[in-house]
N, C-alpha and C. Protein backbone atom coordinates (compact mmCIF):
# COMPACT_ATOMS: atom_id res chain seq x y z
N UNK A 1 0.84 -1.18 0.00
CA UNK A 1 0.00 0.00 0.00
C UNK A 1 0.88 1.24 0.00
N UNK A 2 0.30 2.34 -0.42
CA UNK A 2 0.94 3.64 -0.35
C UNK A 2 0.20 4.47 0.71
N UNK A 3 0.88 5.45 1.28
CA UNK A 3 0.23 6.37 2.22
C UNK A 3 -0.98 6.98 1.52
N UNK A 4 -2.07 7.06 2.20
CA UNK A 4 -3.38 7.58 1.75
C UNK A 4 -4.20 6.58 0.92
N UNK A 5 -3.65 5.38 0.62
CA UNK A 5 -4.44 4.34 -0.04
C UNK A 5 -5.52 3.84 0.91
N UNK A 6 -6.60 3.30 0.31
CA UNK A 6 -7.67 2.68 1.09
C UNK A 6 -7.55 1.16 1.01
N UNK A 7 -7.82 0.50 2.12
CA UNK A 7 -7.86 -0.95 2.21
C UNK A 7 -9.27 -1.35 2.58
N UNK A 8 -9.91 -2.21 1.77
CA UNK A 8 -11.25 -2.71 2.06
C UNK A 8 -11.15 -4.18 2.42
N UNK A 9 -11.66 -4.54 3.58
CA UNK A 9 -11.70 -5.92 4.02
C UNK A 9 -13.16 -6.33 4.10
N UNK A 10 -13.50 -7.50 3.54
CA UNK A 10 -14.85 -8.04 3.61
C UNK A 10 -14.78 -9.37 4.34
N UNK A 11 -15.46 -9.43 5.49
CA UNK A 11 -15.44 -10.63 6.32
C UNK A 11 -16.86 -11.10 6.57
N UNK A 12 -17.06 -12.42 6.50
CA UNK A 12 -18.39 -12.98 6.75
C UNK A 12 -18.87 -12.64 8.15
N UNK A 13 -20.16 -12.26 8.24
CA UNK A 13 -20.74 -11.88 9.53
C UNK A 13 -22.24 -12.13 9.49
N UNK A 14 -22.80 -12.48 10.63
CA UNK A 14 -24.24 -12.62 10.77
C UNK A 14 -24.65 -11.87 12.04
N UNK A 15 -25.02 -10.60 11.93
CA UNK A 15 -25.28 -9.78 13.11
C UNK A 15 -26.47 -10.25 13.95
N UNK A 16 -27.34 -11.09 13.38
CA UNK A 16 -28.47 -11.57 14.20
C UNK A 16 -27.99 -12.46 15.32
N UNK A 17 -26.75 -12.96 15.24
CA UNK A 17 -26.19 -13.78 16.31
C UNK A 17 -25.58 -12.91 17.41
N UNK A 18 -25.45 -11.62 17.14
CA UNK A 18 -24.83 -10.71 18.10
C UNK A 18 -23.34 -10.55 17.90
N UNK A 19 -22.74 -11.37 17.02
CA UNK A 19 -21.30 -11.29 16.79
C UNK A 19 -21.01 -10.27 15.69
N UNK A 20 -19.97 -9.45 15.92
CA UNK A 20 -19.60 -8.42 14.96
C UNK A 20 -18.08 -8.29 14.93
N UNK A 21 -17.55 -8.02 13.73
CA UNK A 21 -16.11 -7.80 13.58
C UNK A 21 -15.74 -6.43 14.13
N UNK A 22 -14.58 -6.38 14.83
CA UNK A 22 -14.07 -5.12 15.39
C UNK A 22 -12.55 -5.17 15.40
N UNK A 23 -11.92 -4.00 15.40
CA UNK A 23 -10.47 -3.92 15.53
C UNK A 23 -10.10 -4.47 16.89
N UNK A 24 -9.09 -5.33 16.95
CA UNK A 24 -8.68 -5.99 18.19
C UNK A 24 -7.67 -5.13 18.93
N UNK A 25 -8.11 -4.50 19.99
CA UNK A 25 -7.23 -3.67 20.78
C UNK A 25 -7.00 -2.31 20.14
N UNK A 26 -6.01 -1.61 20.65
CA UNK A 26 -5.70 -0.28 20.16
C UNK A 26 -5.25 -0.34 18.72
N UNK A 27 -4.48 -1.37 18.37
CA UNK A 27 -4.04 -1.54 16.99
C UNK A 27 -2.91 -0.59 16.65
N UNK A 28 -2.55 -0.62 15.41
CA UNK A 28 -1.45 0.18 14.89
C UNK A 28 -1.94 1.54 14.44
N UNK A 29 -1.05 2.51 14.42
CA UNK A 29 -1.40 3.81 13.85
C UNK A 29 -1.02 3.84 12.37
N UNK A 30 -0.66 2.68 11.81
CA UNK A 30 -0.31 2.57 10.40
C UNK A 30 -1.52 2.85 9.52
N UNK A 31 -2.68 2.34 9.93
CA UNK A 31 -3.93 2.57 9.21
C UNK A 31 -4.98 3.04 10.21
N UNK A 32 -5.98 3.74 9.68
CA UNK A 32 -7.07 4.25 10.50
C UNK A 32 -8.40 3.76 9.92
N UNK A 33 -9.28 3.26 10.80
CA UNK A 33 -10.59 2.81 10.35
C UNK A 33 -11.41 4.01 9.88
N UNK A 34 -11.88 3.94 8.65
CA UNK A 34 -12.68 5.02 8.06
C UNK A 34 -14.17 4.70 8.09
N UNK A 35 -14.51 3.41 7.91
CA UNK A 35 -15.92 3.03 7.85
C UNK A 35 -16.07 1.54 8.15
N UNK A 36 -17.23 1.19 8.70
CA UNK A 36 -17.58 -0.20 8.95
C UNK A 36 -19.05 -0.34 8.58
N UNK A 37 -19.34 -1.21 7.60
CA UNK A 37 -20.70 -1.33 7.10
C UNK A 37 -21.06 -2.81 6.93
N UNK A 38 -22.27 -3.18 7.37
CA UNK A 38 -22.76 -4.54 7.16
C UNK A 38 -23.53 -4.57 5.84
N UNK A 39 -23.20 -5.55 4.99
CA UNK A 39 -23.86 -5.71 3.70
C UNK A 39 -24.49 -7.11 3.67
N UNK A 40 -25.85 -7.18 3.69
CA UNK A 40 -26.49 -8.50 3.66
C UNK A 40 -26.22 -9.21 2.33
N UNK A 41 -26.21 -10.53 2.38
CA UNK A 41 -26.05 -11.32 1.15
C UNK A 41 -27.23 -11.03 0.24
N UNK A 42 -27.03 -11.12 -1.06
CA UNK A 42 -28.08 -10.77 -2.03
C UNK A 42 -29.37 -11.55 -1.81
N UNK A 43 -29.25 -12.83 -1.55
CA UNK A 43 -30.44 -13.65 -1.37
C UNK A 43 -30.68 -13.99 0.09
N UNK A 44 -30.21 -13.12 0.96
CA UNK A 44 -30.33 -13.36 2.39
C UNK A 44 -31.77 -13.18 2.87
N UNK A 45 -32.17 -14.06 3.75
CA UNK A 45 -33.49 -13.96 4.38
C UNK A 45 -33.31 -13.44 5.79
N UNK A 46 -34.39 -13.20 6.49
CA UNK A 46 -34.31 -12.74 7.87
C UNK A 46 -33.45 -13.72 8.66
N UNK A 47 -32.47 -13.20 9.37
CA UNK A 47 -31.56 -14.03 10.15
C UNK A 47 -30.39 -14.55 9.34
N UNK A 48 -30.35 -14.22 8.05
CA UNK A 48 -29.26 -14.68 7.19
C UNK A 48 -28.00 -13.84 7.38
N UNK A 49 -26.93 -14.32 6.81
CA UNK A 49 -25.66 -13.63 6.96
C UNK A 49 -25.36 -12.67 5.83
N UNK A 50 -24.18 -12.14 5.90
CA UNK A 50 -23.70 -11.20 4.91
C UNK A 50 -22.23 -10.95 5.14
N UNK A 51 -21.79 -9.72 4.88
CA UNK A 51 -20.39 -9.38 5.07
C UNK A 51 -20.26 -8.04 5.78
N UNK A 52 -19.25 -7.96 6.63
CA UNK A 52 -18.85 -6.71 7.24
C UNK A 52 -17.75 -6.15 6.35
N UNK A 53 -17.94 -4.95 5.81
CA UNK A 53 -16.94 -4.31 4.97
C UNK A 53 -16.29 -3.20 5.80
N UNK A 54 -15.00 -3.37 6.05
CA UNK A 54 -14.24 -2.41 6.84
C UNK A 54 -13.30 -1.67 5.90
N UNK A 55 -13.30 -0.34 5.99
CA UNK A 55 -12.44 0.49 5.15
C UNK A 55 -11.40 1.18 6.03
N UNK A 56 -10.14 0.97 5.68
CA UNK A 56 -9.03 1.58 6.41
C UNK A 56 -8.25 2.48 5.47
N UNK A 57 -7.67 3.54 6.01
CA UNK A 57 -6.83 4.44 5.23
C UNK A 57 -5.40 4.39 5.78
N UNK A 58 -4.43 4.20 4.87
CA UNK A 58 -3.02 4.17 5.26
C UNK A 58 -2.59 5.56 5.73
N UNK A 59 -2.04 5.64 6.92
CA UNK A 59 -1.69 6.90 7.54
C UNK A 59 -0.21 7.26 7.45
N UNK A 60 0.64 6.23 7.51
CA UNK A 60 2.09 6.48 7.50
C UNK A 60 2.80 5.27 6.95
N UNK A 61 4.06 5.44 6.58
CA UNK A 61 4.87 4.34 6.07
C UNK A 61 5.30 3.43 7.21
N UNK A 62 5.42 2.15 6.90
CA UNK A 62 5.89 1.19 7.88
C UNK A 62 5.29 -0.18 7.65
N UNK A 63 5.65 -1.12 8.53
CA UNK A 63 5.12 -2.49 8.50
C UNK A 63 4.55 -2.80 9.87
N UNK A 64 3.34 -3.35 9.88
CA UNK A 64 2.70 -3.71 11.15
C UNK A 64 1.55 -4.66 10.86
N UNK A 65 0.97 -5.21 11.91
CA UNK A 65 -0.16 -6.12 11.76
C UNK A 65 -1.46 -5.40 12.11
N UNK A 66 -2.49 -5.72 11.35
CA UNK A 66 -3.84 -5.27 11.63
C UNK A 66 -4.58 -6.49 12.17
N UNK A 67 -5.15 -6.37 13.37
CA UNK A 67 -5.82 -7.51 14.01
C UNK A 67 -7.29 -7.17 14.23
N UNK A 68 -8.15 -8.12 13.87
CA UNK A 68 -9.59 -7.98 14.05
C UNK A 68 -10.11 -9.17 14.84
N UNK A 69 -11.26 -8.99 15.48
CA UNK A 69 -11.88 -10.08 16.24
C UNK A 69 -13.38 -10.09 15.97
N UNK A 70 -13.95 -11.29 15.95
CA UNK A 70 -15.38 -11.47 15.81
C UNK A 70 -15.89 -11.79 17.21
N UNK A 71 -16.72 -10.89 17.76
CA UNK A 71 -17.12 -11.03 19.16
C UNK A 71 -18.44 -10.36 19.45
N UNK A 72 -18.93 -10.61 20.64
CA UNK A 72 -20.08 -9.89 21.18
C UNK A 72 -19.50 -8.87 22.18
N UNK A 73 -19.52 -7.63 21.78
CA UNK A 73 -18.87 -6.57 22.57
C UNK A 73 -19.34 -6.57 24.02
N UNK A 74 -20.64 -6.73 24.25
CA UNK A 74 -21.17 -6.65 25.61
C UNK A 74 -20.75 -7.84 26.48
N UNK A 75 -20.25 -8.93 25.86
CA UNK A 75 -19.78 -10.08 26.62
C UNK A 75 -18.27 -10.07 26.83
N UNK A 76 -17.58 -9.16 26.17
CA UNK A 76 -16.15 -9.00 26.37
C UNK A 76 -15.29 -10.06 25.70
N UNK A 77 -14.02 -10.08 26.08
CA UNK A 77 -13.01 -10.92 25.46
C UNK A 77 -13.37 -12.42 25.43
N UNK A 78 -14.01 -12.99 26.45
CA UNK A 78 -14.32 -14.42 26.39
C UNK A 78 -15.26 -14.80 25.24
N UNK A 79 -15.94 -13.83 24.64
CA UNK A 79 -16.90 -14.13 23.57
C UNK A 79 -16.25 -14.22 22.18
N UNK A 80 -14.95 -13.96 22.07
CA UNK A 80 -14.29 -13.99 20.76
C UNK A 80 -14.36 -15.41 20.18
N UNK A 81 -14.90 -15.51 18.95
CA UNK A 81 -15.01 -16.82 18.29
C UNK A 81 -14.09 -16.95 17.08
N UNK A 82 -13.56 -15.82 16.60
CA UNK A 82 -12.67 -15.86 15.45
C UNK A 82 -11.78 -14.62 15.45
N UNK A 83 -10.59 -14.79 14.91
CA UNK A 83 -9.66 -13.66 14.75
C UNK A 83 -9.18 -13.60 13.31
N UNK A 84 -8.84 -12.38 12.86
CA UNK A 84 -8.29 -12.17 11.53
C UNK A 84 -7.09 -11.26 11.69
N UNK A 85 -5.95 -11.67 11.14
CA UNK A 85 -4.72 -10.88 11.23
C UNK A 85 -4.09 -10.79 9.85
N UNK A 86 -3.66 -9.60 9.49
CA UNK A 86 -2.98 -9.39 8.21
C UNK A 86 -1.79 -8.46 8.47
N UNK A 87 -0.67 -8.76 7.80
CA UNK A 87 0.50 -7.89 7.90
C UNK A 87 0.44 -6.87 6.77
N UNK A 88 0.57 -5.62 7.13
CA UNK A 88 0.49 -4.52 6.16
C UNK A 88 1.87 -3.89 5.97
N UNK A 89 2.16 -3.53 4.73
CA UNK A 89 3.36 -2.77 4.43
C UNK A 89 2.90 -1.53 3.68
N UNK A 90 3.15 -0.37 4.28
CA UNK A 90 2.78 0.91 3.68
C UNK A 90 4.05 1.65 3.30
N UNK A 91 4.05 2.16 2.09
CA UNK A 91 5.21 2.93 1.57
C UNK A 91 4.81 4.37 1.31
N UNK A 92 5.80 5.25 1.31
CA UNK A 92 5.57 6.67 1.02
C UNK A 92 5.06 6.87 -0.37
């Protein structure tokens, strides 16, 4: 990535279960979350799944990991059922 580039991540999610993708911890200052939107599957019915689309903007040059977790925020860390980690390299 280059500084100011956008990164879009699409992860499977079913919000009717209460689980939602979120940045895991404080995270890196390499990228900044710009938007988080749930997009239902085209043929999804009530209670069906879809995707969480997260948009990040590269803030500075460097290498670091972006960590996400699928959890129920109100239940805290013990509710994490899945993690997603990607190593990012941002250049000037």
